[in-house]
């Protein structure tokens, strides 16, 4: 068995199986359903809407793409493994989101019922699934400021990120968006950690940032890797910035009460579904 095969097996064993359970009531947000985006907040936002970036232009700024062995070690799905149940689940989840939002781009918040459910794994691979579609791009934002994870995808884990952008007026947007070695996939890390974190999410600069990112690429799907539901104040703020919320539970460990409380905290219109991580059966939609 080759080193790559061994790495792939380790990745499969580590991530387990997945099962996606849709939640009734998720409908396209009023703005996107009508085909109208929120009004621009700044001249920069208006300019990016009038002159959106293109996928061919993004291709010029790609870094060296990662090989199969490295992707496996990082726990990232690979499109050539089409028979892999995990790959099939993320593809189905991608299709569900595209259909739900009538083909328009969207912002999806991924949050776990509790710490240790694998929310970051789901967020990273959902982003990869969108990027594997040659007609779409994906941006993953690490919004779990107390327990960040996205920086591990980068060779330079100290690269500037979200909190640096908030606290340094001279830092441009392009300086915090980083390629990870997957075509059409970009990330924004959490940046340097600070004691007062919630203020970042409630700031006008955060809302302007999300508006700009949404318009920068018309084909871009934005995934927010959020904190667990135990940080309910953060989740409510972040869900207000998102079109949909995807809840991650751990099969056999997350209780029915935890799952119910998590769903109750999310608006009916934004509930996308539940992903049961480490589901022992073959993943499927219910």
Protein backbone atom coordinates (compact mmCIF):
# COMPACT_ATOMS: atom_id res chain seq x y z
CA UNK A 1 0.00 0.00 0.00
CA UNK A 2 1.39 3.39 -1.01
CA UNK A 3 1.90 6.31 1.38
CA UNK A 4 -0.96 8.16 -0.30
CA UNK A 5 -3.34 5.21 0.17
CA UNK A 6 -2.36 4.94 3.82
CA UNK A 7 -2.98 8.67 4.31
CA UNK A 8 -6.36 8.41 2.62
CA UNK A 9 -7.35 5.54 4.88
CA UNK A 10 -6.31 7.52 7.95
CA UNK A 11 -8.35 10.49 6.75
CA UNK A 12 -11.42 8.31 6.17
CA UNK A 13 -11.09 6.70 9.60
CA UNK A 14 -10.70 10.10 11.24
CA UNK A 15 -13.70 11.74 9.65
CA UNK A 16 -16.11 8.84 9.93
CA UNK A 17 -19.36 8.86 7.98
CA UNK A 18 -21.85 11.66 7.56
CA UNK A 19 -25.60 11.89 7.33
CA UNK A 20 -27.39 15.05 6.31
CA UNK A 21 -30.90 15.62 7.62
CA UNK A 22 -32.83 18.54 6.07
CA UNK A 23 -34.85 20.74 8.40
CA UNK A 24 -38.29 21.83 7.26
CA UNK A 25 -38.83 25.54 6.88
CA UNK A 26 -35.60 26.57 5.16
CA UNK A 27 -36.53 28.96 2.37
CA UNK A 28 -34.55 31.45 0.29
CA UNK A 29 -34.04 34.69 2.28
CA UNK A 30 -36.34 37.51 1.14
CA UNK A 31 -33.52 39.51 -0.45
CA UNK A 32 -31.97 36.67 -2.44
CA UNK A 33 -35.32 35.10 -3.32
CA UNK A 34 -36.33 38.33 -4.99
CA UNK A 35 -32.99 38.55 -6.74
CA UNK A 36 -32.12 41.80 -4.91
CA UNK A 37 -29.04 42.13 -2.74
CA UNK A 38 -28.89 44.51 0.22
CA UNK A 39 -28.05 48.10 -0.62
CA UNK A 40 -24.29 48.88 -0.74
CA UNK A 41 -22.79 50.27 2.44
CA UNK A 42 -19.76 51.96 0.93
CA UNK A 43 -18.35 53.09 -2.39
CA UNK A 44 -16.01 50.09 -2.30
CA UNK A 45 -18.97 47.73 -2.10
CA UNK A 46 -20.73 49.46 -4.98
CA UNK A 47 -17.61 49.26 -7.11
CA UNK A 48 -17.15 45.55 -6.47
CA UNK A 49 -20.77 44.93 -7.43
CA UNK A 50 -20.39 46.85 -10.68
CA UNK A 51 -17.05 45.22 -11.52
CA UNK A 52 -17.07 41.74 -9.97
CA UNK A 53 -14.01 39.55 -10.09
CA UNK A 54 -13.98 36.60 -12.48
CA UNK A 55 -12.88 33.00 -12.13
CA UNK A 56 -10.24 33.31 -14.92
CA UNK A 57 -8.73 36.24 -13.05
CA UNK A 58 -8.66 34.19 -9.86
CA UNK A 59 -6.83 31.42 -11.73
CA UNK A 60 -3.92 33.79 -12.33
CA UNK A 61 -3.35 34.08 -8.58
CA UNK A 62 -3.45 30.38 -7.72
CA UNK A 63 -0.60 28.94 -5.71
CA UNK A 64 0.81 25.49 -6.36
CA UNK A 65 -2.06 23.05 -6.04
CA UNK A 66 -1.86 20.44 -3.30
CA UNK A 67 -1.41 16.78 -4.14
CA UNK A 68 -3.65 13.91 -3.08
CA UNK A 69 -1.46 12.91 -0.14
CA UNK A 70 -1.43 16.40 1.39
CA UNK A 71 -5.18 16.82 0.95
CA UNK A 72 -5.76 13.49 2.67
CA UNK A 73 -3.52 14.45 5.58
CA UNK A 74 -5.49 17.66 5.99
CA UNK A 75 -8.79 15.78 5.91
CA UNK A 76 -10.00 17.37 2.66
CA UNK A 77 -12.20 15.42 0.27
CA UNK A 78 -11.02 14.84 -3.30
CA UNK A 79 -13.37 14.90 -6.29
CA UNK A 80 -11.70 11.98 -8.06
CA UNK A 81 -12.83 9.70 -5.21
CA UNK A 82 -16.43 9.86 -6.39
CA UNK A 83 -17.36 6.57 -4.68
CA UNK A 84 -16.25 7.79 -1.27
CA UNK A 85 -19.45 8.23 0.83
CA UNK A 86 -18.10 11.46 2.35
CA UNK A 87 -17.49 12.94 -1.10
CA UNK A 88 -21.01 12.01 -2.15
CA UNK A 89 -22.52 13.66 0.93
CA UNK A 90 -20.70 16.95 0.39
CA UNK A 91 -21.68 16.97 -3.27
CA UNK A 92 -25.31 16.38 -2.32
CA UNK A 93 -25.12 19.11 0.30
CA UNK A 94 -23.64 21.50 -2.28
CA UNK A 95 -26.46 20.68 -4.70
CA UNK A 96 -29.07 21.22 -1.98
CA UNK A 97 -27.70 24.68 -1.18
CA UNK A 98 -27.57 25.70 -4.86
CA UNK A 99 -31.15 24.55 -5.40
CA UNK A 100 -32.32 26.13 -2.15
CA UNK A 101 -30.91 29.50 -3.18
CA UNK A 102 -32.07 29.18 -6.79
CA UNK A 103 -28.53 29.14 -8.16
CA UNK A 104 -27.48 32.42 -6.55
CA UNK A 105 -24.45 32.62 -4.29
CA UNK A 106 -25.01 32.38 -0.56
CA UNK A 107 -23.43 32.75 2.87
CA UNK A 108 -23.64 29.59 5.00
CA UNK A 109 -22.86 29.53 8.70
CA UNK A 110 -21.67 26.15 9.99
CA UNK A 111 -22.01 25.66 13.74
CA UNK A 112 -21.67 22.59 15.94
CA UNK A 113 -24.09 21.52 18.64
CA UNK A 114 -21.11 21.37 20.99
CA UNK A 115 -17.34 21.41 20.87
CA UNK A 116 -15.83 18.30 19.30
CA UNK A 117 -18.63 17.58 16.80
CA UNK A 118 -16.42 18.30 13.79
CA UNK A 119 -17.87 21.62 12.70
CA UNK A 120 -14.59 22.84 11.19
CA UNK A 121 -14.20 19.62 9.20
CA UNK A 122 -17.68 20.08 7.74
CA UNK A 123 -17.08 23.76 6.97
CA UNK A 124 -13.73 23.12 5.27
CA UNK A 125 -15.01 20.30 3.11
CA UNK A 126 -18.21 22.10 2.19
CA UNK A 127 -16.01 24.91 0.90
CA UNK A 128 -13.89 22.39 -1.01
CA UNK A 129 -17.02 20.86 -2.55
CA UNK A 130 -18.06 24.23 -3.97
CA UNK A 131 -14.54 24.89 -5.24
CA UNK A 132 -14.46 21.53 -7.05
CA UNK A 133 -17.30 22.82 -9.24
CA UNK A 134 -15.42 24.56 -12.06
CA UNK A 135 -18.08 27.25 -12.32
CA UNK A 136 -18.00 28.31 -8.67
CA UNK A 137 -15.60 29.64 -6.06
CA UNK A 138 -15.55 29.23 -2.29
CA UNK A 139 -14.36 31.39 0.58
CA UNK A 140 -14.01 29.95 4.08
CA UNK A 141 -13.96 32.44 6.97
CA UNK A 142 -12.85 31.35 10.43
CA UNK A 143 -15.34 32.97 12.80
CA UNK A 144 -14.46 30.72 15.73
CA UNK A 145 -12.14 33.30 17.24
CA UNK A 146 -11.64 31.51 20.56
CA UNK A 147 -10.76 28.16 19.02
CA UNK A 148 -9.61 28.85 15.43
CA UNK A 149 -8.80 26.06 13.02
CA UNK A 150 -8.66 27.38 9.45
CA UNK A 151 -5.08 28.69 9.76
CA UNK A 152 -3.90 25.07 9.76
CA UNK A 153 -4.73 24.89 6.06
CA UNK A 154 -2.03 27.47 5.30
CA UNK A 155 1.71 27.04 5.07
CA UNK A 156 2.05 30.33 6.96
CA UNK A 157 -0.24 29.96 9.96
CA UNK A 158 0.66 33.50 11.10
CA UNK A 159 -0.82 35.12 7.97
CA UNK A 160 -3.09 38.10 8.79
CA UNK A 161 -6.75 37.31 9.25
CA UNK A 162 -10.10 38.59 10.44
CA UNK A 163 -9.16 40.25 13.73
CA UNK A 164 -6.10 41.85 12.13
CA UNK A 165 -8.37 43.38 9.50
CA UNK A 166 -10.70 44.78 12.15
CA UNK A 167 -7.94 46.29 14.24
CA UNK A 168 -5.59 47.57 11.55
CA UNK A 169 -7.21 50.26 9.33
CA UNK A 170 -4.26 50.07 6.93
CA UNK A 171 -4.76 46.37 6.18
CA UNK A 172 -6.48 45.78 2.85
CA UNK A 173 -9.02 43.07 2.10
CA UNK A 174 -6.72 41.36 -0.39
CA UNK A 175 -4.12 40.93 2.36
CA UNK A 176 -6.34 38.67 4.46
CA UNK A 177 -7.69 36.43 1.68
CA UNK A 178 -5.31 33.50 1.18
CA UNK A 179 -5.14 30.65 -1.36
CA UNK A 180 -4.76 27.18 0.16
CA UNK A 181 -3.61 25.15 -2.83
CA UNK A 182 -7.09 24.12 -4.00
CA UNK A 183 -8.29 25.78 -7.19
CA UNK A 184 -10.94 28.50 -6.62
CA UNK A 185 -10.76 28.04 -2.84
CA UNK A 186 -9.73 30.89 -0.54
CA UNK A 187 -9.71 31.33 3.23
CA UNK A 188 -9.70 34.10 5.80
CA UNK A 189 -8.18 32.95 9.08
CA UNK A 190 -9.24 34.16 12.51
CA UNK A 191 -6.08 36.24 12.88
CA UNK A 192 -4.55 37.20 16.20
CA UNK A 193 -6.74 36.36 19.14
CA UNK A 194 -8.14 39.12 21.37
CA UNK A 195 -9.99 39.16 24.68
CA UNK A 196 -13.04 41.14 23.51
CA UNK A 197 -14.24 39.19 20.50
CA UNK A 198 -17.97 39.70 20.11
CA UNK A 199 -17.49 43.37 19.27
CA UNK A 200 -15.92 42.39 15.95
CA UNK A 201 -19.04 40.60 14.75
CA UNK A 202 -21.38 43.45 15.70
CA UNK A 203 -19.25 46.10 14.03
CA UNK A 204 -20.27 47.99 10.91
CA UNK A 205 -16.95 46.92 9.38
CA UNK A 206 -17.97 43.25 9.67
CA UNK A 207 -21.24 43.83 7.83
CA UNK A 208 -19.47 45.85 5.14
CA UNK A 209 -16.90 43.09 4.82
CA UNK A 210 -19.56 40.46 4.23
CA UNK A 211 -21.36 42.67 1.70
CA UNK A 212 -18.11 43.19 -0.19
CA UNK A 213 -17.16 39.52 -0.17
CA UNK A 214 -20.59 38.50 -1.41
CA UNK A 215 -20.25 40.81 -4.42
CA UNK A 216 -16.59 40.24 -5.17
CA UNK A 217 -17.35 37.03 -7.08
CA UNK A 218 -20.86 36.40 -8.32
CA UNK A 219 -20.18 32.64 -8.26
CA UNK A 220 -18.74 32.66 -4.75
CA UNK A 221 -20.22 30.69 -1.88
CA UNK A 222 -19.05 31.91 1.53
CA UNK A 223 -18.75 29.44 4.40
CA UNK A 224 -18.45 30.82 7.93
CA UNK A 225 -16.83 28.34 10.33
CA UNK A 226 -18.61 29.45 13.47
CA UNK A 227 -18.15 28.66 17.16
CA UNK A 228 -20.27 25.93 18.78
CA UNK A 229 -23.82 26.66 19.87
CA UNK A 230 -22.61 27.09 23.45
CA UNK A 231 -21.47 30.56 22.30
CA UNK A 232 -25.06 31.45 21.53
CA UNK A 233 -24.52 35.22 21.49
CA UNK A 234 -21.93 34.86 18.71
CA UNK A 235 -24.12 32.44 16.78
CA UNK A 236 -27.12 34.78 16.80
CA UNK A 237 -24.97 37.63 15.50
CA UNK A 238 -23.32 35.50 12.81
CA UNK A 239 -26.60 33.91 11.71
CA UNK A 240 -27.90 37.41 11.05
CA UNK A 241 -25.06 37.81 8.52
CA UNK A 242 -25.74 34.44 6.87
CA UNK A 243 -28.38 33.22 4.45
CA UNK A 244 -28.47 29.73 5.94
CA UNK A 245 -27.27 27.91 9.04
CA UNK A 246 -26.04 24.31 8.98
CA UNK A 247 -25.89 22.53 12.35
CA UNK A 248 -23.36 19.75 12.99
CA UNK A 249 -24.12 17.08 15.59
CA UNK A 250 -22.04 14.10 16.60
CA UNK A 251 -23.80 10.80 16.13
CA UNK A 252 -24.29 8.96 19.41
CA UNK A 253 -22.97 11.85 21.51
CA UNK A 254 -25.15 14.89 20.80
CA UNK A 255 -28.40 14.52 22.71
CA UNK A 256 -31.86 15.20 21.32
CA UNK A 257 -32.18 18.08 23.79
CA UNK A 258 -28.95 19.67 22.56
CA UNK A 259 -30.04 19.38 18.94
CA UNK A 260 -33.52 20.74 19.68
CA UNK A 261 -32.10 23.71 21.60
CA UNK A 262 -29.71 24.46 18.74
CA UNK A 263 -32.50 24.46 16.16
CA UNK A 264 -34.73 26.60 18.36
CA UNK A 265 -32.03 29.27 18.45
CA UNK A 266 -32.03 29.60 14.64
CA UNK A 267 -34.65 31.34 12.54
CA UNK A 268 -36.94 28.96 10.66
CA UNK A 269 -36.08 30.66 7.38
CA UNK A 270 -32.36 30.02 7.84
CA UNK A 271 -32.34 26.41 9.02
CA UNK A 272 -30.63 24.48 6.26
CA UNK A 273 -30.30 21.12 7.97
CA UNK A 274 -28.35 18.96 10.38
CA UNK A 275 -25.21 16.99 9.59
CA UNK A 276 -24.67 13.95 11.79
CA UNK A 277 -20.94 13.35 11.86
CA UNK A 278 -19.68 9.79 12.38
CA UNK A 279 -23.01 8.27 11.32
CA UNK A 280 -22.30 4.49 11.16
CA UNK A 281 -24.52 3.88 8.11
CA UNK A 282 -23.91 4.99 4.55
CA UNK A 283 -24.68 8.74 4.40
CA UNK A 284 -27.90 9.79 2.75
CA UNK A 285 -30.49 12.55 2.78
CA UNK A 286 -33.67 12.07 4.75
